[in-house]
Each structure stands twice: as C-alpha cells, then as structure tokens.
C-alpha cells in the first residue's frame, strides 16, 4: 500500500514539473497568466507545479488545447511528438486523401502480419 502511495506521489511531482516546463518554456507565461487561462488560482497552480495538487479534467483539457500536448503527455509523460508530427504532416492533405492513406496503411499492416 505504501509503495502505491510513493508511486502516485512521484507521478504527481513529475506531472507538476511537466506543467511548469510547458508554462515557462513553451507557453512563456507566468503562473497568473496560465492559471487564468485554465481556470484555477495562481496559488493552486503553484501547488500543482510543486507536486502537491492535481488539475481537474476541465483544466487539463484547457492546458492541452493551449499547449498542443496530448493529455497523455501532460498526465503521464508519454511522448506525443509522433502525434504532433502527424498532425503537422496531415494538415497539408484533404480529408478524402487522409482516409485513402488510412486505408492503405491498414492494408500494409495486414500484409506485414501475414
């Protein structure tokens, strides 16, 4: 039971560090600015960044929309660079072209598994 608590606490601290990094290095905002954007107080955001609090879904969603990072990255540190690169590449194509490419990818995946 204690090990589970330690793991959760470690994850909370790491999540806070990611949020602070996003705020400072990517969004170039101070605590008050980001707090206002995601609907929390700057004091609470400070607690979150220090690993002593958690954002609710609504605030995570706003941070995700603001930063362009996936919720998986914000919450768990999972690499979302592939998602961002894919979005960038696909922005040059029509919806019809994307669907055709997905069909081809599916066929390739089936072929590889054989």
N, C-alpha and C. Protein backbone atom coordinates (compact mmCIF):
# COMPACT_ATOMS: atom_id res chain seq x y z
N UNK A 1 0.83 -1.19 0.00
CA UNK A 1 0.00 0.00 0.00
C UNK A 1 0.88 1.26 0.00
N UNK A 2 1.93 1.25 0.82
CA UNK A 2 2.81 2.41 0.90
C UNK A 2 3.55 2.63 -0.42
N UNK A 3 3.95 1.55 -1.10
CA UNK A 3 4.63 1.65 -2.38
C UNK A 3 3.73 2.32 -3.42
N UNK A 4 2.43 2.00 -3.40
CA UNK A 4 1.46 2.60 -4.32
C UNK A 4 1.38 4.11 -4.08
N UNK A 5 1.36 4.51 -2.81
CA UNK A 5 1.34 5.93 -2.46
C UNK A 5 2.58 6.64 -2.97
N UNK A 6 3.74 6.01 -2.79
CA UNK A 6 5.00 6.60 -3.25
C UNK A 6 5.02 6.77 -4.76
N UNK A 7 4.51 5.78 -5.49
CA UNK A 7 4.45 5.85 -6.94
C UNK A 7 3.55 7.00 -7.38
N UNK A 8 2.37 7.10 -6.76
CA UNK A 8 1.43 8.17 -7.09
C UNK A 8 2.04 9.54 -6.79
N UNK A 9 2.71 9.64 -5.67
CA UNK A 9 3.34 10.91 -5.28
C UNK A 9 4.44 11.29 -6.27
N UNK A 10 5.24 10.31 -6.68
CA UNK A 10 6.30 10.55 -7.66
C UNK A 10 5.70 11.01 -8.99
N UNK A 11 4.63 10.35 -9.42
CA UNK A 11 3.96 10.74 -10.67
C UNK A 11 3.40 12.16 -10.56
N UNK A 12 2.85 12.50 -9.42
CA UNK A 12 2.30 13.84 -9.19
C UNK A 12 3.40 14.89 -9.28
N UNK A 13 4.55 14.61 -8.70
CA UNK A 13 5.68 15.55 -8.74
C UNK A 13 6.17 15.71 -10.19
N UNK A 14 6.31 14.59 -10.90
CA UNK A 14 6.77 14.65 -12.30
C UNK A 14 5.76 15.40 -13.18
N UNK A 15 4.48 15.18 -12.94
CA UNK A 15 3.43 15.89 -13.69
C UNK A 15 3.54 17.40 -13.44
N UNK A 16 3.77 17.77 -12.22
CA UNK A 16 3.93 19.18 -11.89
C UNK A 16 5.12 19.80 -12.61
N UNK A 17 6.22 19.05 -12.68
CA UNK A 17 7.40 19.53 -13.39
C UNK A 17 7.11 19.72 -14.87
N UNK A 18 6.35 18.77 -15.48
CA UNK A 18 6.00 18.91 -16.90
C UNK A 18 5.15 20.14 -17.14
N UNK A 19 4.18 20.35 -16.27
CA UNK A 19 3.29 21.51 -16.40
C UNK A 19 4.09 22.80 -16.28
N UNK A 20 4.98 22.85 -15.31
CA UNK A 20 5.83 24.04 -15.14
C UNK A 20 6.71 24.26 -16.38
N UNK A 21 7.28 23.17 -16.91
CA UNK A 21 8.12 23.28 -18.11
C UNK A 21 7.30 23.82 -19.28
N UNK A 22 6.12 23.30 -19.47
CA UNK A 22 5.24 23.77 -20.56
C UNK A 22 4.96 25.25 -20.37
N UNK A 23 4.59 25.63 -19.15
CA UNK A 23 4.25 27.03 -18.87
C UNK A 23 5.42 27.95 -19.16
N UNK A 24 6.59 27.62 -18.63
CA UNK A 24 7.75 28.51 -18.75
C UNK A 24 8.41 28.49 -20.12
N UNK A 25 8.63 27.30 -20.66
CA UNK A 25 9.47 27.16 -21.84
C UNK A 25 8.72 27.10 -23.16
N UNK A 26 7.46 26.74 -23.12
CA UNK A 26 6.70 26.64 -24.36
C UNK A 26 5.66 27.74 -24.49
N UNK A 27 4.92 27.97 -23.41
CA UNK A 27 3.87 29.00 -23.45
C UNK A 27 4.41 30.38 -23.05
N UNK A 28 5.56 30.40 -22.39
CA UNK A 28 6.19 31.65 -21.94
C UNK A 28 5.20 32.51 -21.14
N UNK A 29 4.59 31.86 -20.15
CA UNK A 29 3.61 32.53 -19.29
C UNK A 29 4.08 32.48 -17.84
N UNK A 30 3.61 33.44 -17.06
CA UNK A 30 3.83 33.33 -15.63
C UNK A 30 2.66 32.54 -15.03
N UNK A 31 2.74 32.23 -13.75
CA UNK A 31 1.69 31.41 -13.11
C UNK A 31 0.32 32.05 -13.20
N UNK A 32 0.28 33.36 -13.00
CA UNK A 32 -1.00 34.05 -13.02
C UNK A 32 -1.66 33.95 -14.40
N UNK A 33 -0.88 34.11 -15.45
CA UNK A 33 -1.42 34.05 -16.81
C UNK A 33 -1.97 32.66 -17.12
N UNK A 34 -1.18 31.62 -16.85
CA UNK A 34 -1.64 30.27 -17.16
C UNK A 34 -2.83 29.89 -16.27
N UNK A 35 -2.75 30.24 -15.00
CA UNK A 35 -3.85 29.92 -14.08
C UNK A 35 -5.16 30.50 -14.59
N UNK A 36 -5.13 31.74 -15.04
CA UNK A 36 -6.32 32.39 -15.58
C UNK A 36 -6.84 31.62 -16.79
N UNK A 37 -5.93 31.21 -17.67
CA UNK A 37 -6.31 30.51 -18.91
C UNK A 37 -6.96 29.15 -18.64
N UNK A 38 -6.48 28.45 -17.60
CA UNK A 38 -7.00 27.10 -17.34
C UNK A 38 -8.03 27.06 -16.21
N UNK A 39 -8.36 28.22 -15.64
CA UNK A 39 -9.45 28.30 -14.68
C UNK A 39 -9.12 27.89 -13.26
N UNK A 40 -7.89 28.18 -12.81
CA UNK A 40 -7.52 27.92 -11.42
C UNK A 40 -6.83 29.16 -10.87
N UNK A 41 -6.60 29.18 -9.58
CA UNK A 41 -5.86 30.30 -8.99
C UNK A 41 -4.36 30.08 -9.20
N UNK A 42 -3.61 31.16 -9.16
CA UNK A 42 -2.16 31.03 -9.33
C UNK A 42 -1.55 30.28 -8.14
N UNK A 43 -2.14 30.42 -6.96
CA UNK A 43 -1.65 29.69 -5.79
C UNK A 43 -1.84 28.19 -5.99
N UNK A 44 -3.01 27.81 -6.51
CA UNK A 44 -3.26 26.38 -6.74
C UNK A 44 -2.34 25.83 -7.83
N UNK A 45 -2.13 26.61 -8.89
CA UNK A 45 -1.22 26.18 -9.94
C UNK A 45 0.18 25.97 -9.36
N UNK A 46 0.59 26.82 -8.45
CA UNK A 46 1.88 26.65 -7.78
C UNK A 46 1.95 25.33 -7.03
N UNK A 47 0.86 24.96 -6.35
CA UNK A 47 0.81 23.68 -5.64
C UNK A 47 0.92 22.51 -6.63
N UNK A 48 0.22 22.63 -7.76
CA UNK A 48 0.27 21.58 -8.79
C UNK A 48 1.69 21.43 -9.31
N UNK A 49 2.33 22.55 -9.63
CA UNK A 49 3.69 22.52 -10.15
C UNK A 49 4.69 21.97 -9.13
N UNK A 50 4.39 22.13 -7.85
CA UNK A 50 5.24 21.59 -6.79
C UNK A 50 4.91 20.14 -6.45
N UNK A 51 3.95 19.56 -7.17
CA UNK A 51 3.58 18.16 -6.93
C UNK A 51 2.70 17.97 -5.71
N UNK A 52 1.97 19.02 -5.33
CA UNK A 52 1.13 18.95 -4.13
C UNK A 52 -0.35 19.08 -4.46
N UNK A 53 -0.70 19.04 -5.72
CA UNK A 53 -2.09 19.14 -6.13
C UNK A 53 -2.26 18.59 -7.54
N UNK A 54 -3.51 18.35 -7.92
CA UNK A 54 -3.82 17.83 -9.25
C UNK A 54 -4.86 18.71 -9.93
N UNK A 55 -4.71 18.88 -11.22
CA UNK A 55 -5.70 19.61 -12.00
C UNK A 55 -6.90 18.73 -12.27
N UNK A 56 -8.06 19.34 -12.36
CA UNK A 56 -9.28 18.61 -12.73
C UNK A 56 -9.33 18.51 -14.25
N UNK A 57 -10.21 17.65 -14.73
CA UNK A 57 -10.34 17.38 -16.17
C UNK A 57 -10.45 18.66 -16.99
N UNK A 58 -11.32 19.56 -16.59
CA UNK A 58 -11.55 20.81 -17.34
C UNK A 58 -10.26 21.60 -17.52
N UNK A 59 -9.46 21.68 -16.48
CA UNK A 59 -8.20 22.43 -16.54
C UNK A 59 -7.15 21.72 -17.40
N UNK A 60 -7.13 20.39 -17.31
CA UNK A 60 -6.21 19.62 -18.14
C UNK A 60 -6.58 19.80 -19.61
N UNK A 61 -7.87 19.76 -19.91
CA UNK A 61 -8.34 19.95 -21.28
C UNK A 61 -7.93 21.32 -21.80
N UNK A 62 -8.09 22.34 -20.99
CA UNK A 62 -7.70 23.69 -21.40
C UNK A 62 -6.19 23.79 -21.62
N UNK A 63 -5.40 23.15 -20.75
CA UNK A 63 -3.95 23.15 -20.90
C UNK A 63 -3.56 22.39 -22.16
N UNK A 64 -4.23 21.30 -22.42
CA UNK A 64 -3.97 20.51 -23.63
C UNK A 64 -4.23 21.35 -24.88
N UNK A 65 -5.38 22.03 -24.90
CA UNK A 65 -5.73 22.87 -26.05
C UNK A 65 -4.76 24.03 -26.22
N UNK A 66 -4.33 24.59 -25.13
CA UNK A 66 -3.43 25.74 -25.14
C UNK A 66 -2.02 25.35 -25.58
N UNK A 67 -1.55 24.21 -25.10
CA UNK A 67 -0.16 23.81 -25.35
C UNK A 67 0.03 22.97 -26.60
N UNK A 68 -1.03 22.29 -27.04
CA UNK A 68 -0.91 21.38 -28.17
C UNK A 68 -0.40 20.00 -27.77
N UNK A 69 -0.14 19.80 -26.48
CA UNK A 69 0.30 18.49 -26.00
C UNK A 69 -0.92 17.61 -25.75
N UNK A 70 -0.71 16.31 -25.84
CA UNK A 70 -1.78 15.37 -25.53
C UNK A 70 -1.96 15.31 -24.01
N UNK A 71 -3.16 14.89 -23.60
CA UNK A 71 -3.40 14.69 -22.16
C UNK A 71 -2.48 13.59 -21.63
N UNK A 72 -2.17 12.60 -22.47
CA UNK A 72 -1.25 11.53 -22.06
C UNK A 72 0.12 12.09 -21.72
N UNK A 73 0.57 13.09 -22.47
CA UNK A 73 1.86 13.69 -22.15
C UNK A 73 1.77 14.49 -20.84
N UNK A 74 0.75 15.31 -20.73
CA UNK A 74 0.61 16.14 -19.53
C UNK A 74 0.49 15.28 -18.29
N UNK A 75 -0.34 14.25 -18.34
CA UNK A 75 -0.59 13.42 -17.16
C UNK A 75 0.51 12.40 -16.87
N UNK A 76 1.01 11.76 -17.94
CA UNK A 76 1.89 10.61 -17.72
C UNK A 76 3.28 10.74 -18.35
N UNK A 77 3.50 11.81 -19.10
CA UNK A 77 4.81 11.98 -19.72
C UNK A 77 5.02 11.15 -20.96
N UNK A 78 3.94 10.59 -21.52
CA UNK A 78 4.07 9.76 -22.71
C UNK A 78 4.39 10.65 -23.91
N UNK A 79 5.35 10.23 -24.70
CA UNK A 79 5.83 11.00 -25.85
C UNK A 79 4.70 11.28 -26.82
N UNK A 80 4.44 12.54 -27.10
CA UNK A 80 3.39 12.88 -28.06
C UNK A 80 3.96 13.54 -29.31
N UNK A 81 5.27 13.42 -29.51
CA UNK A 81 5.89 14.04 -30.67
C UNK A 81 5.38 13.42 -31.97
N UNK A 82 5.11 12.11 -31.96
CA UNK A 82 4.58 11.45 -33.15
C UNK A 82 3.20 12.02 -33.50
N UNK A 83 2.40 12.25 -32.48
CA UNK A 83 1.06 12.82 -32.71
C UNK A 83 1.20 14.21 -33.32
N UNK A 84 2.05 15.03 -32.75
CA UNK A 84 2.22 16.39 -33.25
C UNK A 84 2.80 16.41 -34.66
N UNK A 85 3.78 15.55 -34.93
CA UNK A 85 4.36 15.47 -36.28
C UNK A 85 3.32 15.01 -37.29
N UNK A 86 2.51 14.04 -36.89
CA UNK A 86 1.47 13.52 -37.77
C UNK A 86 0.44 14.61 -38.08
N UNK A 87 0.03 15.35 -37.07
CA UNK A 87 -0.92 16.46 -37.29
C UNK A 87 -0.34 17.46 -38.27
N UNK A 88 0.92 17.78 -38.11
CA UNK A 88 1.59 18.74 -38.99
C UNK A 88 1.58 18.24 -40.44
N UNK A 89 1.96 16.99 -40.62
CA UNK A 89 2.00 16.41 -41.97
C UNK A 89 0.61 16.36 -42.59
N UNK A 90 -0.37 15.90 -41.80
CA UNK A 90 -1.72 15.73 -42.33
C UNK A 90 -2.43 17.04 -42.62
N UNK A 91 -1.96 18.11 -42.03
CA UNK A 91 -2.61 19.41 -42.27
C UNK A 91 -2.51 19.85 -43.73
N UNK A 92 -1.63 19.21 -44.49
CA UNK A 92 -1.45 19.56 -45.91
C UNK A 92 -2.35 18.75 -46.84
N UNK A 93 -3.17 17.87 -46.28
CA UNK A 93 -3.99 16.98 -47.10
C UNK A 93 -5.47 17.18 -46.81
N UNK A 94 -6.29 16.80 -47.80
CA UNK A 94 -7.74 16.87 -47.62
C UNK A 94 -8.20 15.68 -46.79
N UNK A 95 -9.41 15.77 -46.28
CA UNK A 95 -9.96 14.67 -45.50
C UNK A 95 -10.06 13.40 -46.36
N UNK A 96 -10.43 13.55 -47.61
CA UNK A 96 -10.53 12.41 -48.52
C UNK A 96 -9.16 11.75 -48.72
N UNK A 97 -8.12 12.54 -48.90
CA UNK A 97 -6.77 11.99 -49.07
C UNK A 97 -6.31 11.26 -47.80
N UNK A 98 -6.66 11.80 -46.66
CA UNK A 98 -6.28 11.17 -45.39
C UNK A 98 -6.97 9.81 -45.24
N UNK A 99 -8.25 9.74 -45.56
CA UNK A 99 -8.98 8.48 -45.46
C UNK A 99 -8.39 7.43 -46.41
N UNK A 100 -8.02 7.84 -47.61
CA UNK A 100 -7.40 6.92 -48.57
C UNK A 100 -6.06 6.40 -48.02
N UNK A 101 -5.28 7.29 -47.43
CA UNK A 101 -3.99 6.90 -46.85
C UNK A 101 -4.20 5.92 -45.69
N UNK A 102 -5.22 6.14 -44.87
CA UNK A 102 -5.50 5.23 -43.76
C UNK A 102 -5.89 3.84 -44.27
N UNK A 103 -6.64 3.80 -45.34
CA UNK A 103 -6.99 2.51 -45.94
C UNK A 103 -5.73 1.78 -46.40
N UNK A 104 -4.82 2.51 -47.04
CA UNK A 104 -3.56 1.91 -47.49
C UNK A 104 -2.72 1.41 -46.31
N UNK A 105 -2.66 2.21 -45.25
CA UNK A 105 -1.92 1.81 -44.06
C UNK A 105 -2.50 0.53 -43.47
N UNK A 106 -3.80 0.42 -43.44
CA UNK A 106 -4.46 -0.76 -42.92
C UNK A 106 -4.08 -1.98 -43.76
N UNK A 107 -4.09 -1.83 -45.07
CA UNK A 107 -3.71 -2.93 -45.96
C UNK A 107 -2.25 -3.33 -45.75
N UNK A 108 -1.38 -2.35 -45.57
CA UNK A 108 0.04 -2.64 -45.31
C UNK A 108 0.19 -3.40 -43.99
N UNK A 109 -0.52 -2.97 -42.96
CA UNK A 109 -0.45 -3.62 -41.65
C UNK A 109 -0.91 -5.07 -41.74
N UNK A 110 -1.96 -5.33 -42.50
CA UNK A 110 -2.45 -6.70 -42.68
C UNK A 110 -1.40 -7.53 -43.42
N UNK A 111 -0.79 -6.95 -44.45
CA UNK A 111 0.23 -7.64 -45.23
C UNK A 111 1.43 -8.00 -44.35
N UNK A 112 1.86 -7.08 -43.51
CA UNK A 112 3.03 -7.31 -42.64
C UNK A 112 2.76 -8.43 -41.64
N UNK A 113 1.53 -8.51 -41.14
CA UNK A 113 1.21 -9.54 -40.14
C UNK A 113 1.16 -10.94 -40.72
N UNK A 114 1.02 -11.07 -42.04
CA UNK A 114 0.92 -12.40 -42.68
C UNK A 114 2.24 -13.09 -42.68
